[in-house]
Amino acid sequence: MSKYIISRDDKGTVWFTINRPEKWNAIDYDVMDGLAQVINEVEVNDDDRVLVITGAGQKAFCSGGDLSVFQHLKTKEEAHRMLSRMGMILHSLATLSKPTIALLNGLAIGGGCELATACDYRLASPGSRFGFVQGKQGITTGWGGATILLERLPIDQAYHLLLTGEIYTAKEGKEVGFIQHVLSLDNTIKGCEEFISKEILHTSLVVKAYKKVVNMKWAHTGLKERMLEEIKECSALWVTREHLEAVSKIMQKE
């Protein structure tokens, strides 16, 4: 069974589904490869209008990095290779010239929140929850997610989400601006399709022009460089006793 599914509909929407429900749709190296592939395809394919990222099942959008794989990264250099690889995938997602949507169909925590933050829109089912829980594991956001979050939200609200490390409801996410729309139905696919048809009406040329303006601003303020600095900080924290002990406790529970 593939760890991810890429599908396209006749309206130009590309669906990328992390297909690891038994792992709460955690990201490993194979899923990274799939994300990089679909982002590159959507960028160059004129028929692709919108990219939607979601998770299989109803329990989770994405639970972040797969610790059963990444727990074996024992040095700062090993951690940095993994973190920077995913960080640059998220940078390419954030700067994609076409609209991107994170469709939260369940729990989104840790790196799952970073993945959602890299998208232009975050839509959520009523029962979805999210949280930047990395701080409780002795690390910071490791894929550049805090840097992007500070571009998406006012500083005080973004800072609060990062420092509390708490898990919030979709409704609370809507109140702070992290989530743009809470779907009225648990049928997230149908709700997302309706959102796209109603809210994303501009031609692809118009969208590209607006995204170019955003990307010029981010290039001027050094978004990629700031993300890489953030990733470097996380790499150093990855090998601290606090983080290693937190990972050990999580793996014992599993």
C-alpha atoms as a PDB file:
ATOM      1  CA  MET A   1       0.000   0.000   0.000  1.00  0.00           C
ATOM      2  CA  SER A   2       1.353   3.389  -0.980  1.00  0.00           C
ATOM      3  CA  LYS A   3       2.169   5.781   1.855  1.00  0.00           C
ATOM      4  CA  TYR A   4       0.610   8.602  -0.141  1.00  0.00           C
ATOM      5  CA  ILE A   5      -1.968   8.986  -2.894  1.00  0.00           C
ATOM      6  CA  ILE A   6      -1.933  11.619  -5.641  1.00  0.00           C
ATOM      7  CA  SER A   7      -5.164  12.132  -7.564  1.00  0.00           C
ATOM      8  CA  ARG A   8      -6.623  14.775  -9.861  1.00  0.00           C
ATOM      9  CA  ASP A   9     -10.186  15.776 -10.671  1.00  0.00           C
ATOM     10  CA  ASP A  10     -11.600  17.357 -13.792  1.00  0.00           C
ATOM     11  CA  LYS A  11     -11.654  20.826 -12.197  1.00  0.00           C
ATOM     12  CA  GLY A  12      -7.901  21.058 -11.841  1.00  0.00           C
ATOM     13  CA  THR A  13      -7.676  20.171  -8.158  1.00  0.00           C
ATOM     14  CA  VAL A  14      -4.772  17.942  -7.182  1.00  0.00           C
ATOM     15  CA  TRP A  15      -5.260  15.890  -4.026  1.00  0.00           C
ATOM     16  CA  PHE A  16      -2.274  14.676  -2.028  1.00  0.00           C
ATOM     17  CA  THR A  17      -3.362  12.270   0.718  1.00  0.00           C
ATOM     18  CA  ILE A  18      -0.926  10.989   3.318  1.00  0.00           C
ATOM     19  CA  ASN A  19      -2.007   7.363   3.444  1.00  0.00           C
ATOM     20  CA  ARG A  20      -0.681   6.167   6.803  1.00  0.00           C
ATOM     21  CA  PRO A  21      -3.741   6.157   9.088  1.00  0.00           C
ATOM     22  CA  GLU A  22      -2.182   3.470  11.276  1.00  0.00           C
ATOM     23  CA  LYS A  23       0.656   5.934  11.968  1.00  0.00           C
ATOM     24  CA  TRP A  24      -1.648   8.945  12.386  1.00  0.00           C
ATOM     25  CA  ASN A  25      -0.434   9.972   8.905  1.00  0.00           C
ATOM     26  CA  ALA A  26       3.086  10.666  10.111  1.00  0.00           C
ATOM     27  CA  ILE A  27       5.712  11.838   7.620  1.00  0.00           C
ATOM     28  CA  ASP A  28       8.708   9.665   6.797  1.00  0.00           C
ATOM     29  CA  TYR A  29      11.237   9.895   3.964  1.00  0.00           C
ATOM     30  CA  ASP A  30       8.871   8.301   1.440  1.00  0.00           C
ATOM     31  CA  VAL A  31       6.130  10.840   2.192  1.00  0.00           C
ATOM     32  CA  MET A  32       8.735  13.603   1.860  1.00  0.00           C
ATOM     33  CA  ASP A  33       9.565  12.297  -1.612  1.00  0.00           C
ATOM     34  CA  GLY A  34       5.870  12.269  -2.521  1.00  0.00           C
ATOM     35  CA  LEU A  35       5.348  15.837  -1.349  1.00  0.00           C
ATOM     36  CA  ALA A  36       8.371  17.054  -3.294  1.00  0.00           C
ATOM     37  CA  GLN A  37       7.090  15.231  -6.382  1.00  0.00           C
ATOM     38  CA  VAL A  38       3.561  16.638  -6.282  1.00  0.00           C
ATOM     39  CA  ILE A  39       4.728  20.201  -5.592  1.00  0.00           C
ATOM     40  CA  ASN A  40       7.044  20.058  -8.603  1.00  0.00           C
ATOM     41  CA  GLU A  41       4.292  18.595 -10.797  1.00  0.00           C
ATOM     42  CA  VAL A  42       1.703  21.200  -9.811  1.00  0.00           C
ATOM     43  CA  GLU A  43       4.174  24.019 -10.412  1.00  0.00           C
ATOM     44  CA  VAL A  44       4.794  23.054 -14.032  1.00  0.00           C
ATOM     45  CA  ASN A  45       1.467  21.495 -15.047  1.00  0.00           C
ATOM     46  CA  ASP A  46      -0.863  24.129 -16.530  1.00  0.00           C
ATOM     47  CA  ASP A  47      -3.926  21.937 -15.905  1.00  0.00           C
ATOM     48  CA  ASP A  48      -3.288  21.824 -12.153  1.00  0.00           C
ATOM     49  CA  ARG A  49      -5.053  24.777 -10.488  1.00  0.00           C
ATOM     50  CA  VAL A  50      -5.142  23.975  -6.762  1.00  0.00           C
ATOM     51  CA  LEU A  51      -3.200  21.614  -4.497  1.00  0.00           C
ATOM     52  CA  VAL A  52      -5.008  20.093  -1.508  1.00  0.00           C
ATOM     53  CA  ILE A  53      -3.099  18.177   1.167  1.00  0.00           C
ATOM     54  CA  THR A  54      -4.981  15.944   3.593  1.00  0.00           C
ATOM     55  CA  GLY A  55      -4.710  12.705   5.532  1.00  0.00           C
ATOM     56  CA  ALA A  56      -6.366   9.305   5.114  1.00  0.00           C
ATOM     57  CA  GLY A  57      -9.131   8.339   7.508  1.00  0.00           C
ATOM     58  CA  GLN A  58     -10.888  10.518  10.054  1.00  0.00           C
ATOM     59  CA  LYS A  59      -8.428  10.525  12.964  1.00  0.00           C
ATOM     60  CA  ALA A  60      -5.544  12.606  11.723  1.00  0.00           C
ATOM     61  CA  PHE A  61      -4.426  15.128   9.154  1.00  0.00           C
ATOM     62  CA  CYS A  62      -0.781  14.609  10.069  1.00  0.00           C
ATOM     63  CA  SER A  63       0.984  13.875  13.355  1.00  0.00           C
ATOM     64  CA  GLY A  64       4.326  15.285  12.205  1.00  0.00           C
ATOM     65  CA  GLY A  65       7.535  13.364  11.732  1.00  0.00           C
ATOM     66  CA  ASP A  66       7.530   9.596  12.144  1.00  0.00           C
ATOM     67  CA  LEU A  67       9.501   9.105  15.354  1.00  0.00           C
ATOM     68  CA  SER A  68       9.792   5.372  14.756  1.00  0.00           C
ATOM     69  CA  VAL A  69      12.097   6.389  11.889  1.00  0.00           C
ATOM     70  CA  PHE A  70      13.584   9.666  13.119  1.00  0.00           C
ATOM     71  CA  GLN A  71      14.416   8.438  16.637  1.00  0.00           C
ATOM     72  CA  HIS A  72      17.537   6.921  15.099  1.00  0.00           C
ATOM     73  CA  LEU A  73      18.949  10.360  14.275  1.00  0.00           C
ATOM     74  CA  LYS A  74      21.473  10.664  17.094  1.00  0.00           C
ATOM     75  CA  THR A  75      23.731  13.520  15.991  1.00  0.00           C
ATOM     76  CA  LYS A  76      23.113  17.172  15.192  1.00  0.00           C
ATOM     77  CA  GLU A  77      24.323  16.594  11.637  1.00  0.00           C
ATOM     78  CA  GLU A  78      21.956  13.655  11.066  1.00  0.00           C
ATOM     79  CA  ALA A  79      19.032  15.649  12.432  1.00  0.00           C
ATOM     80  CA  HIS A  80      19.934  18.660  10.320  1.00  0.00           C
ATOM     81  CA  ARG A  81      19.910  16.634   7.093  1.00  0.00           C
ATOM     82  CA  MET A  82      16.384  15.410   7.744  1.00  0.00           C
ATOM     83  CA  LEU A  83      15.051  18.710   9.080  1.00  0.00           C
ATOM     84  CA  SER A  84      16.497  20.864   6.306  1.00  0.00           C
ATOM     85  CA  ARG A  85      15.242  18.478   3.631  1.00  0.00           C
ATOM     86  CA  MET A  86      11.666  18.735   4.869  1.00  0.00           C
ATOM     87  CA  GLY A  87      12.070  22.438   5.571  1.00  0.00           C
ATOM     88  CA  MET A  88      12.944  23.153   1.958  1.00  0.00           C
ATOM     89  CA  ILE A  89       9.976  21.069   0.812  1.00  0.00           C
ATOM     90  CA  LEU A  90       7.759  23.293   2.965  1.00  0.00           C
ATOM     91  CA  HIS A  91       9.441  26.374   1.525  1.00  0.00           C
ATOM     92  CA  SER A  92       8.624  25.185  -1.995  1.00  0.00           C
ATOM     93  CA  LEU A  93       5.043  24.513  -0.860  1.00  0.00           C
ATOM     94  CA  ALA A  94       4.679  27.968   0.690  1.00  0.00           C
ATOM     95  CA  THR A  95       6.024  29.655  -2.439  1.00  0.00           C
ATOM     96  CA  LEU A  96       4.132  27.511  -4.968  1.00  0.00           C
ATOM     97  CA  SER A  97       2.610  29.721  -7.659  1.00  0.00           C
ATOM     98  CA  LYS A  98      -0.840  28.139  -7.263  1.00  0.00           C
ATOM     99  CA  PRO A  99      -3.251  28.057  -4.306  1.00  0.00           C
ATOM    100  CA  THR A 100      -2.633  25.404  -1.676  1.00  0.00           C
ATOM    101  CA  ILE A 101      -5.030  24.076   0.944  1.00  0.00           C
ATOM    102  CA  ALA A 102      -4.400  22.037   4.082  1.00  0.00           C
ATOM    103  CA  LEU A 103      -7.586  20.050   4.667  1.00  0.00           C
ATOM    104  CA  LEU A 104      -7.546  19.155   8.359  1.00  0.00           C
ATOM    105  CA  ASN A 105      -9.690  16.069   8.797  1.00  0.00           C
ATOM    106  CA  GLY A 106      -8.525  15.245  12.328  1.00  0.00           C
ATOM    107  CA  LEU A 107      -5.514  15.768  14.557  1.00  0.00           C
ATOM    108  CA  ALA A 108      -2.677  17.998  13.298  1.00  0.00           C
ATOM    109  CA  ILE A 109       0.233  18.257  15.714  1.00  0.00           C
ATOM    110  CA  GLY A 110       3.934  19.072  15.599  1.00  0.00           C
ATOM    111  CA  GLY A 111       5.231  18.884  12.072  1.00  0.00           C
ATOM    112  CA  GLY A 112       1.657  18.367  10.903  1.00  0.00           C
ATOM    113  CA  CYS A 113       0.949  21.940  11.962  1.00  0.00           C
ATOM    114  CA  GLU A 114       4.060  23.094  10.109  1.00  0.00           C
ATOM    115  CA  LEU A 115       2.812  21.355   6.965  1.00  0.00           C
ATOM    116  CA  ALA A 116      -0.577  23.038   7.353  1.00  0.00           C
ATOM    117  CA  THR A 117       1.059  26.425   7.993  1.00  0.00           C
ATOM    118  CA  ALA A 118       2.967  26.211   4.707  1.00  0.00           C
ATOM    119  CA  CYS A 119      -0.339  26.108   2.807  1.00  0.00           C
ATOM    120  CA  ASP A 120      -2.249  29.234   1.779  1.00  0.00           C
ATOM    121  CA  TYR A 121      -5.505  28.052   3.354  1.00  0.00           C
ATOM    122  CA  ARG A 122      -6.314  25.827   6.317  1.00  0.00           C
ATOM    123  CA  LEU A 123      -9.784  24.275   6.291  1.00  0.00           C
ATOM    124  CA  ALA A 124     -10.900  22.006   9.125  1.00  0.00           C
ATOM    125  CA  SER A 125     -13.641  19.550   9.965  1.00  0.00           C
ATOM    126  CA  PRO A 126     -15.593  20.502  13.106  1.00  0.00           C
ATOM    127  CA  GLY A 127     -13.834  17.897  15.238  1.00  0.00           C
ATOM    128  CA  SER A 128     -10.298  18.704  14.110  1.00  0.00           C
ATOM    129  CA  ARG A 129      -7.633  19.748  16.605  1.00  0.00           C
ATOM    130  CA  PHE A 130      -4.170  21.202  16.165  1.00  0.00           C
ATOM    131  CA  GLY A 131      -1.151  22.093  18.243  1.00  0.00           C
ATOM    132  CA  PHE A 132       2.500  23.088  17.983  1.00  0.00           C
ATOM    133  CA  VAL A 133       3.534  20.549  20.625  1.00  0.00           C
ATOM    134  CA  GLN A 134       7.245  20.513  19.784  1.00  0.00           C
ATOM    135  CA  GLY A 135       8.169  22.585  22.836  1.00  0.00           C
ATOM    136  CA  LYS A 136       6.861  19.842  25.107  1.00  0.00           C
ATOM    137  CA  GLN A 137       9.283  17.471  23.392  1.00  0.00           C
ATOM    138  CA  GLY A 138      12.299  19.642  24.086  1.00  0.00           C
ATOM    139  CA  ILE A 139      12.661  21.043  20.571  1.00  0.00           C
ATOM    140  CA  THR A 140      11.382  23.905  18.447  1.00  0.00           C
ATOM    141  CA  THR A 141       9.542  23.644  15.157  1.00  0.00           C
ATOM    142  CA  GLY A 142      12.106  21.806  13.066  1.00  0.00           C
ATOM    143  CA  TRP A 143      10.919  22.352   9.520  1.00  0.00           C
ATOM    144  CA  GLY A 144      10.806  26.150   9.507  1.00  0.00           C
ATOM    145  CA  GLY A 145       7.170  26.251  10.584  1.00  0.00           C
ATOM    146  CA  ALA A 146       7.540  29.007  13.176  1.00  0.00           C
ATOM    147  CA  THR A 147       9.058  31.316  10.579  1.00  0.00           C
ATOM    148  CA  ILE A 148       6.114  30.732   8.236  1.00  0.00           C
ATOM    149  CA  LEU A 149       3.586  30.990  11.086  1.00  0.00           C
ATOM    150  CA  LEU A 150       4.929  34.438  11.958  1.00  0.00           C
ATOM    151  CA  GLU A 151       4.171  35.434   8.356  1.00  0.00           C
ATOM    152  CA  ARG A 152       0.624  34.107   8.584  1.00  0.00           C
ATOM    153  CA  LEU A 153      -0.498  35.447  11.989  1.00  0.00           C
ATOM    154  CA  PRO A 154       0.122  38.496  14.165  1.00  0.00           C
ATOM    155  CA  ILE A 155       3.233  37.968  16.295  1.00  0.00           C
ATOM    156  CA  ASP A 156       1.435  37.783  19.640  1.00  0.00           C
ATOM    157  CA  GLN A 157      -0.996  35.118  18.433  1.00  0.00           C
ATOM    158  CA  ALA A 158       1.671  33.058  16.688  1.00  0.00           C
ATOM    159  CA  TYR A 159       3.943  33.321  19.715  1.00  0.00           C
ATOM    160  CA  HIS A 160       1.126  32.114  21.963  1.00  0.00           C
ATOM    161  CA  LEU A 161       0.480  29.017  19.840  1.00  0.00           C
ATOM    162  CA  LEU A 162       4.183  28.173  19.849  1.00  0.00           C
ATOM    163  CA  LEU A 163       4.915  28.799  23.522  1.00  0.00           C
ATOM    164  CA  THR A 164       1.904  27.055  25.046  1.00  0.00           C
ATOM    165  CA  GLY A 165       2.421  23.827  23.150  1.00  0.00           C
ATOM    166  CA  GLU A 166      -1.276  23.157  23.731  1.00  0.00           C
ATOM    167  CA  ILE A 167      -3.752  21.446  21.420  1.00  0.00           C
ATOM    168  CA  TYR A 168      -6.630  23.634  20.239  1.00  0.00           C
ATOM    169  CA  THR A 169      -9.998  23.005  18.623  1.00  0.00           C
ATOM    170  CA  ALA A 170     -10.854  23.998  15.078  1.00  0.00           C
ATOM    171  CA  LYS A 171     -13.138  26.703  16.469  1.00  0.00           C
ATOM    172  CA  GLU A 172     -10.282  28.155  18.535  1.00  0.00           C
ATOM    173  CA  GLY A 173      -8.053  28.026  15.486  1.00  0.00           C
ATOM    174  CA  LYS A 174     -10.626  30.015  13.534  1.00  0.00           C
ATOM    175  CA  GLU A 175     -10.777  32.636  16.296  1.00  0.00           C
ATOM    176  CA  VAL A 176      -7.014  33.303  16.170  1.00  0.00           C
ATOM    177  CA  GLY A 177      -6.845  33.171  12.370  1.00  0.00           C
ATOM    178  CA  PHE A 178      -4.872  29.956  11.986  1.00  0.00           C
ATOM    179  CA  ILE A 179      -7.844  28.252  10.358  1.00  0.00           C
ATOM    180  CA  GLN A 180      -9.726  30.230   7.737  1.00  0.00           C
ATOM    181  CA  HIS A 181     -12.825  28.086   7.554  1.00  0.00           C
ATOM    182  CA  VAL A 182     -14.421  25.390   9.727  1.00  0.00           C
ATOM    183  CA  LEU A 183     -16.426  23.130   7.463  1.00  0.00           C
ATOM    184  CA  SER A 184     -20.062  22.621   8.356  1.00  0.00           C
ATOM    185  CA  LEU A 185     -19.928  18.919   7.566  1.00  0.00           C
ATOM    186  CA  ASP A 186     -17.601  16.097   8.494  1.00  0.00           C
ATOM    187  CA  ASN A 187     -17.508  15.267   4.775  1.00  0.00           C
ATOM    188  CA  THR A 188     -14.319  17.255   4.378  1.00  0.00           C
ATOM    189  CA  ILE A 189     -13.797  16.435   0.698  1.00  0.00           C
ATOM    190  CA  LYS A 190     -17.174  17.815  -0.324  1.00  0.00           C
ATOM    191  CA  GLY A 191     -16.728  20.837   1.935  1.00  0.00           C
ATOM    192  CA  CYS A 192     -13.323  21.557   0.432  1.00  0.00           C
ATOM    193  CA  GLU A 193     -14.685  21.270  -3.105  1.00  0.00           C
ATOM    194  CA  GLU A 194     -17.428  23.775  -2.264  1.00  0.00           C
ATOM    195  CA  PHE A 195     -14.872  26.156  -0.746  1.00  0.00           C
ATOM    196  CA  ILE A 196     -12.704  26.009  -3.868  1.00  0.00           C
ATOM    197  CA  SER A 197     -15.663  26.644  -6.186  1.00  0.00           C
ATOM    198  CA  LYS A 198     -16.861  29.629  -4.145  1.00  0.00           C
ATOM    199  CA  GLU A 199     -13.650  31.217  -2.915  1.00  0.00           C
ATOM    200  CA  ILE A 200     -10.993  30.584  -5.570  1.00  0.00           C
ATOM    201  CA  LEU A 201     -12.480  32.115  -8.705  1.00  0.00           C
ATOM    202  CA  HIS A 202      -9.554  34.004 -10.210  1.00  0.00           C
ATOM    203  CA  THR A 203      -7.834  32.785 -13.324  1.00  0.00           C
ATOM    204  CA  SER A 204      -4.529  31.013 -12.893  1.00  0.00           C
ATOM    205  CA  LEU A 205      -2.676  33.988 -14.364  1.00  0.00           C
ATOM    206  CA  VAL A 206      -4.160  36.315 -11.739  1.00  0.00           C
ATOM    207  CA  VAL A 207      -3.313  33.885  -8.936  1.00  0.00           C
ATOM    208  CA  LYS A 208       0.251  33.559 -10.166  1.00  0.00           C
ATOM    209  CA  ALA A 209       0.600  37.322 -10.282  1.00  0.00           C
ATOM    210  CA  TYR A 210      -0.541  37.693  -6.668  1.00  0.00           C
ATOM    211  CA  LYS A 211       1.623  34.808  -5.492  1.00  0.00           C
ATOM    212  CA  LYS A 212       4.574  36.451  -7.225  1.00  0.00           C
ATOM    213  CA  VAL A 213       4.005  39.585  -5.154  1.00  0.00           C
ATOM    214  CA  VAL A 214       3.955  37.534  -1.943  1.00  0.00           C
ATOM    215  CA  ASN A 215       7.050  35.580  -2.943  1.00  0.00           C
ATOM    216  CA  MET A 216       8.921  38.784  -3.786  1.00  0.00           C
ATOM    217  CA  LYS A 217       8.161  40.082  -0.292  1.00  0.00           C
ATOM    218  CA  TRP A 218       9.342  36.834   1.299  1.00  0.00           C
ATOM    219  CA  ALA A 219      12.498  36.787  -0.805  1.00  0.00           C
ATOM    220  CA  HIS A 220      13.227  40.381   0.213  1.00  0.00           C
ATOM    221  CA  THR A 221      12.818  39.512   3.901  1.00  0.00           C
ATOM    222  CA  GLY A 222      14.870  36.317   3.579  1.00  0.00           C
ATOM    223  CA  LEU A 223      12.177  33.730   4.306  1.00  0.00           C
ATOM    224  CA  LYS A 224      14.309  30.780   3.213  1.00  0.00           C
ATOM    225  CA  GLU A 225      17.342  31.982   5.150  1.00  0.00           C
ATOM    226  CA  ARG A 226      15.245  32.537   8.279  1.00  0.00           C
ATOM    227  CA  MET A 227      13.753  29.057   7.949  1.00  0.00           C
ATOM    228  CA  LEU A 228      17.229  27.557   7.662  1.00  0.00           C
ATOM    229  CA  GLU A 229      18.337  29.374  10.817  1.00  0.00           C
ATOM    230  CA  GLU A 230      15.299  28.019  12.633  1.00  0.00           C
ATOM    231  CA  ILE A 231      16.137  24.515  11.409  1.00  0.00           C
ATOM    232  CA  LYS A 232      19.709  24.908  12.637  1.00  0.00           C
ATOM    233  CA  GLU A 233      18.444  25.775  16.125  1.00  0.00           C
ATOM    234  CA  CYS A 234      16.220  22.703  16.187  1.00  0.00           C
ATOM    235  CA  SER A 235      19.084  20.486  15.044  1.00  0.00           C
ATOM    236  CA  ALA A 236      21.073  21.477  18.125  1.00  0.00           C
ATOM    237  CA  LEU A 237      18.099  20.819  20.409  1.00  0.00           C
ATOM    238  CA  TRP A 238      17.425  17.451  18.769  1.00  0.00           C
ATOM    239  CA  VAL A 239      20.333  15.789  20.587  1.00  0.00           C
ATOM    240  CA  THR A 240      19.665  17.254  24.032  1.00  0.00           C
ATOM    241  CA  ARG A 241      18.732  14.952  26.889  1.00  0.00           C
ATOM    242  CA  GLU A 242      15.302  16.586  27.211  1.00  0.00           C
ATOM    243  CA  HIS A 243      14.341  15.735  23.642  1.00  0.00           C
ATOM    244  CA  LEU A 244      15.848  12.258  23.631  1.00  0.00           C
ATOM    245  CA  GLU A 245      13.995  11.399  26.838  1.00  0.00           C
ATOM    246  CA  ALA A 246      10.742  12.800  25.437  1.00  0.00           C
ATOM    247  CA  VAL A 247      11.106  10.653  22.292  1.00  0.00           C
ATOM    248  CA  SER A 248      11.876   7.602  24.410  1.00  0.00           C
ATOM    249  CA  LYS A 249       8.680   8.105  26.428  1.00  0.00           C
ATOM    250  CA  ILE A 250       6.603   8.504  23.274  1.00  0.00           C
ATOM    251  CA  MET A 251       8.036   5.342  21.747  1.00  0.00           C
ATOM    252  CA  GLN A 252       7.396   3.372  24.948  1.00  0.00           C
ATOM    253  CA  LYS A 253       3.719   4.368  24.792  1.00  0.00           C
ATOM    254  CA  GLU A 254       3.517   3.124  21.205  1.00  0.00           C
END
